[in-house]
Amino acid sequence: NSTELKDIEFIRSYYYNRLEFVRFSSSVGKFVGYTEFGVKNAEYWNNNPSVLAAMRAQKETYCKHNSEIYYTNVLTKS
């Protein structure tokens, strides 16, 4: 109910055959694997500082920008 970044969580999930195998969550700040393949990918990505920095920046660059647009559109329609 707010456009403030502290109230927003960015989540990117990766699926194969409708099974989530790895996820990045901005509240955790790293990748978490849910299958053997996902754990290996999470370990690889978590050890790459540029990948982690890019994913952590998504909350600011993607979520904040889009939440402001969505809230503006919703509030002007009601």
Protein backbone atom coordinates (compact mmCIF):
# COMPACT_ATOMS: atom_id res chain seq x y z
CA ASN A 1 0.00 0.00 0.00
CA SER A 2 2.98 2.28 -0.36
CA THR A 3 5.49 3.33 -3.00
CA GLU A 4 8.30 3.41 -0.44
CA LEU A 5 11.09 0.93 -1.19
CA LYS A 6 11.10 -0.45 2.34
CA ASP A 7 7.61 -1.85 1.66
CA ILE A 8 8.52 -3.45 -1.69
CA GLU A 9 10.14 -6.82 -2.33
CA PHE A 10 11.70 -7.81 -5.66
CA ILE A 11 11.53 -11.54 -6.44
CA ARG A 12 12.87 -13.25 -9.55
CA SER A 13 12.12 -16.97 -9.84
CA TYR A 14 13.44 -19.42 -12.39
CA TYR A 15 11.35 -22.43 -13.44
CA TYR A 16 11.88 -25.56 -15.46
CA ASN A 17 8.97 -27.92 -16.21
CA ARG A 18 6.75 -25.85 -13.87
CA LEU A 19 9.15 -26.46 -10.97
CA GLU A 20 10.87 -23.51 -9.35
CA PHE A 21 14.55 -24.33 -9.06
CA VAL A 22 16.11 -21.03 -7.95
CA ARG A 23 14.91 -17.65 -6.66
CA PHE A 24 16.39 -14.25 -5.91
CA SER A 25 14.61 -12.22 -3.24
CA SER A 26 15.59 -8.66 -2.36
CA SER A 27 14.68 -9.28 1.28
CA VAL A 28 17.20 -12.17 1.44
CA GLY A 29 19.69 -10.41 -0.86
CA LYS A 30 20.93 -13.54 -2.58
CA PHE A 31 19.86 -16.52 -4.68
CA VAL A 32 18.35 -19.59 -3.02
CA GLY A 33 18.21 -22.96 -4.77
CA TYR A 34 15.34 -25.40 -4.33
CA THR A 35 16.65 -28.34 -6.36
CA GLU A 36 20.11 -29.82 -6.85
CA PHE A 37 20.45 -27.87 -10.10
CA GLY A 38 19.10 -24.71 -8.42
CA VAL A 39 21.54 -24.97 -5.52
CA LYS A 40 24.46 -25.17 -7.97
CA ASN A 41 23.19 -22.15 -9.91
CA ALA A 42 22.57 -20.19 -6.70
CA GLU A 43 26.07 -20.93 -5.47
CA TYR A 44 27.58 -19.81 -8.79
CA TRP A 45 25.54 -16.58 -8.96
CA ASN A 46 26.05 -15.75 -5.26
CA ASN A 47 29.82 -15.97 -5.77
CA ASN A 48 29.67 -13.48 -8.65
CA PRO A 49 29.63 -9.94 -7.20
CA SER A 50 28.48 -8.33 -10.46
CA VAL A 51 25.41 -10.61 -10.72
CA LEU A 52 24.47 -9.95 -7.09
CA ALA A 53 24.92 -6.20 -7.49
CA ALA A 54 22.75 -6.18 -10.61
CA MET A 55 19.98 -8.17 -8.91
CA ARG A 56 20.09 -6.04 -5.77
CA ALA A 57 19.77 -2.91 -7.92
CA GLN A 58 16.55 -4.22 -9.50
CA LYS A 59 14.50 -3.17 -6.48
CA GLU A 60 15.50 0.44 -7.03
CA THR A 61 15.51 0.50 -10.83
CA TYR A 62 12.54 -1.74 -11.64
CA CYS A 63 10.23 -1.83 -8.63
CA LYS A 64 10.35 1.80 -7.57
CA HIS A 65 9.91 3.10 -11.11
CA ASN A 66 6.98 0.79 -11.92
CA SER A 67 5.24 1.11 -8.56
CA GLU A 68 5.11 4.88 -9.01
CA ILE A 69 3.53 4.44 -12.45
CA TYR A 70 1.01 1.84 -11.26
CA TYR A 71 -0.03 3.81 -8.19
CA THR A 72 -0.46 6.99 -10.22
CA ASN A 73 -2.67 5.19 -12.76
CA VAL A 74 -4.74 3.43 -10.11
CA LEU A 75 -5.27 6.52 -8.00
CA THR A 76 -6.37 8.66 -10.95
CA LYS A 77 -8.97 6.04 -12.00
CA SER A 78 -10.75 5.73 -8.65
